[in-house]
Amino acid sequence: MEHTVVSAPAWEAFSRQAPVFDAIDEGNAAIARMRGIVRAAALRHMVPGDRVLELNAGTGIDSVFFAEAGLRVTATDAAPGMIAQLARKQAERPALPLTVKACSFLELTRLGDDRFDHVFSNFGGLNCTDRLDLVLRDADALLRPGGTCTLVLMPRFSPWEMAAALKGRFRFAARRWHRNGTSAQVEGARFTCYYHGARDARRALPGYTVLEQRALALLMPPPHITGFPSTHAIWLQRLHRAEETIAHRWPFRAWGDHFLISLRKPA
């Protein structure tokens, strides 16, 4: 069954960002912290030689990392600019077990008979669609029995965004609660962003076992708040300790700028 693909403005937005995406990533300590946590969570269930399908792989930062760890990675993305960066990295290191495919996460049926041990999606790429159920249903068809699915999504409740109401930014504070999505902007291109809860993922993958769920940037400043680490170093350490204390606990594990959920398919 063919699904309607993600809106062209989202492709355009991330294609525009592709040439500078790696530099933005490398220069942001909050992104580095979150990426390290997510990779560690995914690797706990992977062994070298496993096949990994990454959705919305971007420029391949995580795909290359997993390939270097001995995993056989198929990196997919719908943005032409991101695919171009991925293809360049693949060409520079042809020995890496890395396959690049231009494919929207809403068209996973195009992957045919491919089967994978793990499905991975980082940093809220799946928030570009309101049909998370369709994405995960098709991902389930590609996942082998006993395989894992590790997703990083943007939930509806972020304490840092709600705190904006204290400064009178009520529209920004409430933007995640809009059921029909809210307008987002990357490199001057606007697209619609939708927010998903852990319940949405669990409902779309019935029978799966939740292996781990935790908040990301719940108390720690999210990536878009770039000035905080340099001006509040002591507070940063305190917030890190506090977040790690409660990140896996209910109800905090479903909150944050992002949250992580890892699930295992029945064997």
C-alpha atoms as a PDB file:
ATOM      1  CA  MET A   1       0.000   0.000   0.000  1.00  0.00           C
ATOM      2  CA  GLU A   2       1.401   3.385  -1.004  1.00  0.00           C
ATOM      3  CA  HIS A   3       1.258   6.193   1.569  1.00  0.00           C
ATOM      4  CA  THR A   4       1.276   9.918   0.975  1.00  0.00           C
ATOM      5  CA  VAL A   5       4.879  11.072   1.283  1.00  0.00           C
ATOM      6  CA  VAL A   6       6.111  13.658   3.765  1.00  0.00           C
ATOM      7  CA  SER A   7       5.499  17.215   2.609  1.00  0.00           C
ATOM      8  CA  ALA A   8       7.944  18.689   0.110  1.00  0.00           C
ATOM      9  CA  PRO A   9       8.636  21.719   2.356  1.00  0.00           C
ATOM     10  CA  ALA A  10      10.165  19.359   4.947  1.00  0.00           C
ATOM     11  CA  TRP A  11      12.451  17.922   2.283  1.00  0.00           C
ATOM     12  CA  GLU A  12      13.380  21.417   1.212  1.00  0.00           C
ATOM     13  CA  ALA A  13      14.079  22.576   4.750  1.00  0.00           C
ATOM     14  CA  PHE A  14      16.469  19.760   5.567  1.00  0.00           C
ATOM     15  CA  SER A  15      18.060  19.788   2.130  1.00  0.00           C
ATOM     16  CA  ARG A  16      18.942  23.430   2.719  1.00  0.00           C
ATOM     17  CA  GLN A  17      20.484  22.555   6.065  1.00  0.00           C
ATOM     18  CA  ALA A  18      22.450  19.560   4.774  1.00  0.00           C
ATOM     19  CA  PRO A  19      25.693  21.424   3.862  1.00  0.00           C
ATOM     20  CA  VAL A  20      26.009  22.850   7.396  1.00  0.00           C
ATOM     21  CA  PHE A  21      24.339  20.061   9.355  1.00  0.00           C
ATOM     22  CA  ASP A  22      27.538  18.344  10.489  1.00  0.00           C
ATOM     23  CA  ALA A  23      29.098  21.632  11.622  1.00  0.00           C
ATOM     24  CA  ILE A  24      25.990  22.470  13.664  1.00  0.00           C
ATOM     25  CA  ASP A  25      26.078  19.020  15.228  1.00  0.00           C
ATOM     26  CA  GLU A  26      29.775  19.131  16.091  1.00  0.00           C
ATOM     27  CA  GLY A  27      29.502  22.543  17.722  1.00  0.00           C
ATOM     28  CA  ASN A  28      26.586  21.749  20.037  1.00  0.00           C
ATOM     29  CA  ALA A  29      27.393  20.086  23.378  1.00  0.00           C
ATOM     30  CA  ALA A  30      23.728  19.297  24.095  1.00  0.00           C
ATOM     31  CA  ILE A  31      23.428  17.375  20.830  1.00  0.00           C
ATOM     32  CA  ALA A  32      26.632  15.464  21.601  1.00  0.00           C
ATOM     33  CA  ARG A  33      25.327  14.485  25.055  1.00  0.00           C
ATOM     34  CA  MET A  34      21.975  13.312  23.693  1.00  0.00           C
ATOM     35  CA  ARG A  35      23.545  11.462  20.792  1.00  0.00           C
ATOM     36  CA  GLY A  36      25.872   9.609  23.169  1.00  0.00           C
ATOM     37  CA  ILE A  37      22.975   8.506  25.376  1.00  0.00           C
ATOM     38  CA  VAL A  38      20.921   7.340  22.408  1.00  0.00           C
ATOM     39  CA  ARG A  39      23.760   5.413  20.786  1.00  0.00           C
ATOM     40  CA  ALA A  40      24.555   3.636  24.052  1.00  0.00           C
ATOM     41  CA  ALA A  41      20.897   2.639  24.456  1.00  0.00           C
ATOM     42  CA  ALA A  42      20.727   1.246  20.907  1.00  0.00           C
ATOM     43  CA  LEU A  43      24.054  -0.582  21.124  1.00  0.00           C
ATOM     44  CA  ARG A  44      22.953  -2.452  24.242  1.00  0.00           C
ATOM     45  CA  HIS A  45      20.799  -4.614  21.967  1.00  0.00           C
ATOM     46  CA  MET A  46      23.092  -4.849  18.909  1.00  0.00           C
ATOM     47  CA  VAL A  47      25.996  -7.118  18.014  1.00  0.00           C
ATOM     48  CA  PRO A  48      28.474  -6.690  15.135  1.00  0.00           C
ATOM     49  CA  GLY A  49      27.081  -8.085  11.907  1.00  0.00           C
ATOM     50  CA  ASP A  50      23.476  -7.143  12.705  1.00  0.00           C
ATOM     51  CA  ARG A  51      21.534  -5.266  10.040  1.00  0.00           C
ATOM     52  CA  VAL A  52      20.323  -1.790  11.005  1.00  0.00           C
ATOM     53  CA  LEU A  53      17.754   0.327   9.162  1.00  0.00           C
ATOM     54  CA  GLU A  54      18.048   4.012  10.003  1.00  0.00           C
ATOM     55  CA  LEU A  55      15.068   6.232   9.200  1.00  0.00           C
ATOM     56  CA  ASN A  56      15.629   9.944   8.526  1.00  0.00           C
ATOM     57  CA  ALA A  57      19.390   9.328   8.633  1.00  0.00           C
ATOM     58  CA  GLY A  58      20.253  12.913   7.682  1.00  0.00           C
ATOM     59  CA  THR A  59      23.897  13.268   6.741  1.00  0.00           C
ATOM     60  CA  GLY A  60      24.622   9.843   8.211  1.00  0.00           C
ATOM     61  CA  ILE A  61      26.275  10.835  11.486  1.00  0.00           C
ATOM     62  CA  ASP A  62      24.741   7.890  13.349  1.00  0.00           C
ATOM     63  CA  SER A  63      24.793   5.564  10.337  1.00  0.00           C
ATOM     64  CA  VAL A  64      28.544   5.981   9.936  1.00  0.00           C
ATOM     65  CA  PHE A  65      29.028   5.475  13.683  1.00  0.00           C
ATOM     66  CA  PHE A  66      27.097   2.190  13.648  1.00  0.00           C
ATOM     67  CA  ALA A  67      28.854   1.016  10.484  1.00  0.00           C
ATOM     68  CA  GLU A  68      32.223   1.726  12.141  1.00  0.00           C
ATOM     69  CA  ALA A  69      31.031  -0.427  15.057  1.00  0.00           C
ATOM     70  CA  GLY A  70      30.668  -3.384  12.680  1.00  0.00           C
ATOM     71  CA  LEU A  71      26.939  -3.169  12.014  1.00  0.00           C
ATOM     72  CA  ARG A  72      25.563  -3.431   8.475  1.00  0.00           C
ATOM     73  CA  VAL A  73      23.615  -0.206   8.018  1.00  0.00           C
ATOM     74  CA  THR A  74      21.015   0.869   5.484  1.00  0.00           C
ATOM     75  CA  ALA A  75      20.637   4.646   5.803  1.00  0.00           C
ATOM     76  CA  THR A  76      17.469   6.197   4.391  1.00  0.00           C
ATOM     77  CA  ASP A  77      16.279   9.766   4.043  1.00  0.00           C
ATOM     78  CA  ALA A  78      13.851  11.696   1.850  1.00  0.00           C
ATOM     79  CA  ALA A  79      15.759  15.005   1.622  1.00  0.00           C
ATOM     80  CA  PRO A  80      17.917  15.146  -1.546  1.00  0.00           C
ATOM     81  CA  GLY A  81      20.493  17.337   0.174  1.00  0.00           C
ATOM     82  CA  MET A  82      20.909  14.870   3.025  1.00  0.00           C
ATOM     83  CA  ILE A  83      21.170  11.931   0.624  1.00  0.00           C
ATOM     84  CA  ALA A  84      23.910  13.779  -1.274  1.00  0.00           C
ATOM     85  CA  GLN A  85      25.923  14.167   1.933  1.00  0.00           C
ATOM     86  CA  LEU A  86      25.336  10.524   2.810  1.00  0.00           C
ATOM     87  CA  ALA A  87      26.448   9.377  -0.628  1.00  0.00           C
ATOM     88  CA  ARG A  88      29.612  11.494  -0.357  1.00  0.00           C
ATOM     89  CA  LYS A  89      30.539   9.854   2.963  1.00  0.00           C
ATOM     90  CA  GLN A  90      29.839   6.427   1.510  1.00  0.00           C
ATOM     91  CA  ALA A  91      32.071   7.146  -1.488  1.00  0.00           C
ATOM     92  CA  GLU A  92      34.885   8.376   0.759  1.00  0.00           C
ATOM     93  CA  ARG A  93      34.838   5.130   2.762  1.00  0.00           C
ATOM     94  CA  PRO A  94      33.695   2.355   0.410  1.00  0.00           C
ATOM     95  CA  ALA A  95      34.793  -0.396   2.833  1.00  0.00           C
ATOM     96  CA  LEU A  96      32.201   0.639   5.414  1.00  0.00           C
ATOM     97  CA  PRO A  97      29.166  -1.709   5.581  1.00  0.00           C
ATOM     98  CA  LEU A  98      26.894   1.227   4.673  1.00  0.00           C
ATOM     99  CA  THR A  99      24.126   1.311   2.072  1.00  0.00           C
ATOM    100  CA  VAL A 100      22.421   4.608   1.189  1.00  0.00           C
ATOM    101  CA  LYS A 101      18.870   4.731  -0.150  1.00  0.00           C
ATOM    102  CA  ALA A 102      16.711   7.742  -0.998  1.00  0.00           C
ATOM    103  CA  CYS A 103      13.485   6.649   0.677  1.00  0.00           C
ATOM    104  CA  SER A 104      10.895   8.412   2.787  1.00  0.00           C
ATOM    105  CA  PHE A 105       9.943   6.753   6.055  1.00  0.00           C
ATOM    106  CA  LEU A 106       6.406   6.859   4.645  1.00  0.00           C
ATOM    107  CA  GLU A 107       7.434   4.681   1.692  1.00  0.00           C
ATOM    108  CA  LEU A 108       9.216   1.841   3.437  1.00  0.00           C
ATOM    109  CA  THR A 109       7.376  -0.687   1.279  1.00  0.00           C
ATOM    110  CA  ARG A 110       9.843   0.352  -1.436  1.00  0.00           C
ATOM    111  CA  LEU A 111      12.541  -1.579   0.441  1.00  0.00           C
ATOM    112  CA  GLY A 112      10.855  -4.784  -0.679  1.00  0.00           C
ATOM    113  CA  ASP A 113      12.079  -8.015   0.880  1.00  0.00           C
ATOM    114  CA  ASP A 114      14.889  -6.464   2.918  1.00  0.00           C
ATOM    115  CA  ARG A 115      14.830  -7.527   6.561  1.00  0.00           C
ATOM    116  CA  PHE A 116      16.621  -5.942   9.499  1.00  0.00           C
ATOM    117  CA  ASP A 117      17.589  -6.759  13.067  1.00  0.00           C
ATOM    118  CA  HIS A 118      17.107  -3.186  14.257  1.00  0.00           C
ATOM    119  CA  VAL A 119      15.205  -0.045  13.237  1.00  0.00           C
ATOM    120  CA  PHE A 120      16.661   3.245  14.452  1.00  0.00           C
ATOM    121  CA  SER A 121      15.444   6.834  14.222  1.00  0.00           C
ATOM    122  CA  ASN A 122      17.085   9.724  16.062  1.00  0.00           C
ATOM    123  CA  PHE A 123      16.346  13.378  16.911  1.00  0.00           C
ATOM    124  CA  GLY A 124      12.660  13.596  16.085  1.00  0.00           C
ATOM    125  CA  GLY A 125      12.745  13.033  12.350  1.00  0.00           C
ATOM    126  CA  LEU A 126       9.489  11.097  12.689  1.00  0.00           C
ATOM    127  CA  ASN A 127       7.883  14.252  14.072  1.00  0.00           C
ATOM    128  CA  CYS A 128       7.640  15.415  10.462  1.00  0.00           C
ATOM    129  CA  THR A 129       4.567  13.201   9.984  1.00  0.00           C
ATOM    130  CA  ASP A 130       1.220  12.810  11.691  1.00  0.00           C
ATOM    131  CA  ARG A 131       1.099   9.151  10.580  1.00  0.00           C
ATOM    132  CA  LEU A 132       3.550   7.602  13.004  1.00  0.00           C
ATOM    133  CA  ASP A 133       1.288   4.544  13.052  1.00  0.00           C
ATOM    134  CA  LEU A 134       1.826   3.909   9.338  1.00  0.00           C
ATOM    135  CA  VAL A 135       5.581   4.401   9.608  1.00  0.00           C
ATOM    136  CA  LEU A 136       5.897   1.926  12.471  1.00  0.00           C
ATOM    137  CA  ARG A 137       3.540  -0.586  10.878  1.00  0.00           C
ATOM    138  CA  ASP A 138       5.739  -0.703   7.778  1.00  0.00           C
ATOM    139  CA  ALA A 139       8.902  -0.747   9.909  1.00  0.00           C
ATOM    140  CA  ASP A 140       7.472  -3.740  11.767  1.00  0.00           C
ATOM    141  CA  ALA A 141       7.120  -5.602   8.463  1.00  0.00           C
ATOM    142  CA  LEU A 142      10.845  -5.070   7.804  1.00  0.00           C
ATOM    143  CA  LEU A 143      11.976  -6.062  11.299  1.00  0.00           C
ATOM    144  CA  ARG A 144      12.926  -9.659  12.023  1.00  0.00           C
ATOM    145  CA  PRO A 145      11.308 -11.462  14.986  1.00  0.00           C
ATOM    146  CA  GLY A 146      13.171 -10.556  18.166  1.00  0.00           C
ATOM    147  CA  GLY A 147      14.527  -7.375  16.596  1.00  0.00           C
ATOM    148  CA  THR A 148      14.537  -3.962  18.248  1.00  0.00           C
ATOM    149  CA  CYS A 149      13.177  -0.563  17.383  1.00  0.00           C
ATOM    150  CA  THR A 150      14.872   2.472  18.989  1.00  0.00           C
ATOM    151  CA  LEU A 151      13.156   5.814  18.422  1.00  0.00           C
ATOM    152  CA  VAL A 152      13.853   9.342  19.603  1.00  0.00           C
ATOM    153  CA  LEU A 153      10.721  11.466  19.390  1.00  0.00           C
ATOM    154  CA  MET A 154       9.610  14.919  20.477  1.00  0.00           C
ATOM    155  CA  PRO A 155       6.746  14.638  23.011  1.00  0.00           C
ATOM    156  CA  ARG A 156       3.985  17.099  23.765  1.00  0.00           C
ATOM    157  CA  PHE A 157       5.401  18.243  27.104  1.00  0.00           C
ATOM    158  CA  SER A 158       8.744  20.007  27.379  1.00  0.00           C
ATOM    159  CA  PRO A 159       9.434  21.857  30.662  1.00  0.00           C
ATOM    160  CA  TRP A 160      11.854  24.224  28.945  1.00  0.00           C
ATOM    161  CA  GLU A 161       9.230  25.265  26.414  1.00  0.00           C
ATOM    162  CA  MET A 162       6.479  25.547  29.002  1.00  0.00           C
ATOM    163  CA  ALA A 163       8.776  27.859  30.992  1.00  0.00           C
ATOM    164  CA  ALA A 164       8.570  30.299  28.082  1.00  0.00           C
ATOM    165  CA  ALA A 165       5.107  31.216  29.370  1.00  0.00           C
ATOM    166  CA  LEU A 166       6.821  32.932  32.309  1.00  0.00           C
ATOM    167  CA  LYS A 167       8.237  35.394  29.782  1.00  0.00           C
ATOM    168  CA  GLY A 168       4.870  35.902  28.093  1.00  0.00           C
ATOM    169  CA  ARG A 169       5.625  33.606  25.148  1.00  0.00           C
ATOM    170  CA  PHE A 170       2.350  31.758  25.492  1.00  0.00           C
ATOM    171  CA  ARG A 171       2.052  30.657  21.870  1.00  0.00           C
ATOM    172  CA  PHE A 172       5.516  29.102  21.931  1.00  0.00           C
ATOM    173  CA  ALA A 173       4.844  27.445  25.295  1.00  0.00           C
ATOM    174  CA  ALA A 174       1.670  25.786  23.985  1.00  0.00           C
ATOM    175  CA  ARG A 175       2.827  24.845  20.490  1.00  0.00           C
ATOM    176  CA  ARG A 176       3.317  21.141  21.220  1.00  0.00           C
ATOM    177  CA  TRP A 177      -0.291  20.723  22.261  1.00  0.00           C
ATOM    178  CA  HIS A 178      -1.736  21.520  18.822  1.00  0.00           C
ATOM    179  CA  ARG A 179      -3.284  18.275  17.589  1.00  0.00           C
ATOM    180  CA  ASN A 180      -3.017  19.351  13.948  1.00  0.00           C
ATOM    181  CA  GLY A 181       0.677  20.134  14.265  1.00  0.00           C
ATOM    182  CA  THR A 182       2.518  23.395  14.434  1.00  0.00           C
ATOM    183  CA  SER A 183       4.615  25.346  11.970  1.00  0.00           C
ATOM    184  CA  ALA A 184       8.379  24.814  12.206  1.00  0.00           C
ATOM    185  CA  GLN A 185      11.204  26.462  10.298  1.00  0.00           C
ATOM    186  CA  VAL A 186      14.647  25.280   9.211  1.00  0.00           C
ATOM    187  CA  GLU A 187      16.901  27.458   7.049  1.00  0.00           C
ATOM    188  CA  GLY A 188      13.952  29.706   6.173  1.00  0.00           C
ATOM    189  CA  ALA A 189      11.735  26.870   4.926  1.00  0.00           C
ATOM    190  CA  ARG A 190       8.549  26.155   6.851  1.00  0.00           C
ATOM    191  CA  PHE A 191       6.924  22.772   7.392  1.00  0.00           C
ATOM    192  CA  THR A 192       4.525  21.185   9.867  1.00  0.00           C
ATOM    193  CA  CYS A 193       5.825  19.419  12.969  1.00  0.00           C
ATOM    194  CA  TYR A 194       3.724  16.942  14.950  1.00  0.00           C
ATOM    195  CA  TYR A 195       4.368  15.744  18.502  1.00  0.00           C
ATOM    196  CA  HIS A 196       4.121  12.103  19.583  1.00  0.00           C
ATOM    197  CA  GLY A 197       3.903  10.385  22.934  1.00  0.00           C
ATOM    198  CA  ALA A 198       5.280   7.027  24.054  1.00  0.00           C
ATOM    199  CA  ARG A 199       1.733   5.686  23.996  1.00  0.00           C
ATOM    200  CA  ASP A 200       1.564   6.435  20.265  1.00  0.00           C
ATOM    201  CA  ALA A 201       4.619   4.262  19.625  1.00  0.00           C
ATOM    202  CA  ARG A 202       3.407   1.434  21.853  1.00  0.00           C
ATOM    203  CA  ARG A 203      -0.038   1.465  20.261  1.00  0.00           C
ATOM    204  CA  ALA A 204       1.486   1.251  16.789  1.00  0.00           C
ATOM    205  CA  LEU A 205       3.637  -1.744  17.803  1.00  0.00           C
ATOM    206  CA  PRO A 206       1.282  -4.039  19.747  1.00  0.00           C
ATOM    207  CA  GLY A 207       2.938  -7.005  21.377  1.00  0.00           C
ATOM    208  CA  TYR A 208       6.342  -5.328  21.524  1.00  0.00           C
ATOM    209  CA  THR A 209       8.177  -5.226  24.860  1.00  0.00           C
ATOM    210  CA  VAL A 210       9.463  -1.868  26.073  1.00  0.00           C
ATOM    211  CA  LEU A 211      13.161  -2.324  26.838  1.00  0.00           C
ATOM    212  CA  GLU A 212      13.896   1.241  27.866  1.00  0.00           C
ATOM    213  CA  GLN A 213      12.236   4.620  27.967  1.00  0.00           C
ATOM    214  CA  ARG A 214      13.805   7.843  29.154  1.00  0.00           C
ATOM    215  CA  ALA A 215      13.586  11.605  28.872  1.00  0.00           C
ATOM    216  CA  LEU A 216      16.156  13.628  26.954  1.00  0.00           C
ATOM    217  CA  ALA A 217      16.729  17.304  27.748  1.00  0.00           C
ATOM    218  CA  LEU A 218      14.122  17.235  30.482  1.00  0.00           C
ATOM    219  CA  LEU A 219      16.051  19.381  32.971  1.00  0.00           C
ATOM    220  CA  MET A 220      19.173  19.850  30.873  1.00  0.00           C
ATOM    221  CA  PRO A 221      18.847  22.669  28.316  1.00  0.00           C
ATOM    222  CA  PRO A 222      17.744  21.450  24.877  1.00  0.00           C
ATOM    223  CA  PRO A 223      20.018  21.883  21.837  1.00  0.00           C
ATOM    224  CA  HIS A 224      18.441  25.134  20.668  1.00  0.00           C
ATOM    225  CA  ILE A 225      19.393  26.887  23.940  1.00  0.00           C
ATOM    226  CA  THR A 226      23.069  27.329  23.106  1.00  0.00           C
ATOM    227  CA  GLY A 227      24.169  29.999  25.591  1.00  0.00           C
ATOM    228  CA  PHE A 228      23.299  28.220  28.834  1.00  0.00           C
ATOM    229  CA  PRO A 229      26.307  25.830  29.057  1.00  0.00           C
ATOM    230  CA  SER A 230      28.884  28.616  28.833  1.00  0.00           C
ATOM    231  CA  THR A 231      27.203  30.889  31.379  1.00  0.00           C
ATOM    232  CA  HIS A 232      25.872  28.373  33.923  1.00  0.00           C
ATOM    233  CA  ALA A 233      28.528  25.660  34.174  1.00  0.00           C
ATOM    234  CA  ILE A 234      27.808  24.794  37.808  1.00  0.00           C
ATOM    235  CA  TRP A 235      24.059  24.629  37.224  1.00  0.00           C
ATOM    236  CA  LEU A 236      24.666  22.445  34.184  1.00  0.00           C
ATOM    237  CA  GLN A 237      26.352  19.801  36.340  1.00  0.00           C
ATOM    238  CA  ARG A 238      23.523  19.906  38.856  1.00  0.00           C
ATOM    239  CA  LEU A 239      20.860  19.639  36.164  1.00  0.00           C
ATOM    240  CA  HIS A 240      22.685  16.703  34.588  1.00  0.00           C
ATOM    241  CA  ARG A 241      22.748  14.785  37.880  1.00  0.00           C
ATOM    242  CA  ALA A 242      19.097  15.578  38.558  1.00  0.00           C
ATOM    243  CA  GLU A 243      17.994  14.554  35.081  1.00  0.00           C
ATOM    244  CA  GLU A 244      19.846  11.244  35.225  1.00  0.00           C
ATOM    245  CA  THR A 245      18.138  10.528  38.555  1.00  0.00           C
ATOM    246  CA  ILE A 246      14.608  10.836  37.169  1.00  0.00           C
ATOM    247  CA  ALA A 247      14.948  10.353  33.394  1.00  0.00           C
ATOM    248  CA  HIS A 248      13.780   6.712  33.499  1.00  0.00           C
ATOM    249  CA  ARG A 249      11.025   7.232  36.061  1.00  0.00           C
ATOM    250  CA  TRP A 250       7.314   7.713  35.470  1.00  0.00           C
ATOM    251  CA  PRO A 251       5.985  10.223  34.497  1.00  0.00           C
ATOM    252  CA  PHE A 252       9.220  12.040  33.611  1.00  0.00           C
ATOM    253  CA  ARG A 253      10.367   9.400  31.112  1.00  0.00           C
ATOM    254  CA  ALA A 254       7.709  10.549  28.636  1.00  0.00           C
ATOM    255  CA  TRP A 255       8.659  14.228  28.856  1.00  0.00           C
ATOM    256  CA  GLY A 256      11.515  16.440  27.698  1.00  0.00           C
ATOM    257  CA  ASP A 257      12.624  18.160  24.540  1.00  0.00           C
ATOM    258  CA  HIS A 258      12.913  14.582  23.216  1.00  0.00           C
ATOM    259  CA  PHE A 259      12.417  11.129  24.699  1.00  0.00           C
ATOM    260  CA  LEU A 260      13.866   7.746  23.809  1.00  0.00           C
ATOM    261  CA  ILE A 261      11.950   4.492  23.596  1.00  0.00           C
ATOM    262  CA  SER A 262      13.441   1.093  22.718  1.00  0.00           C
ATOM    263  CA  LEU A 263      11.112  -1.831  22.018  1.00  0.00           C
ATOM    264  CA  ARG A 264      11.633  -5.494  21.103  1.00  0.00           C
ATOM    265  CA  LYS A 265       9.503  -7.358  18.572  1.00  0.00           C
ATOM    266  CA  PRO A 266       8.135 -10.720  19.731  1.00  0.00           C
ATOM    267  CA  ALA A 267      10.385 -13.615  18.708  1.00  0.00           C
END
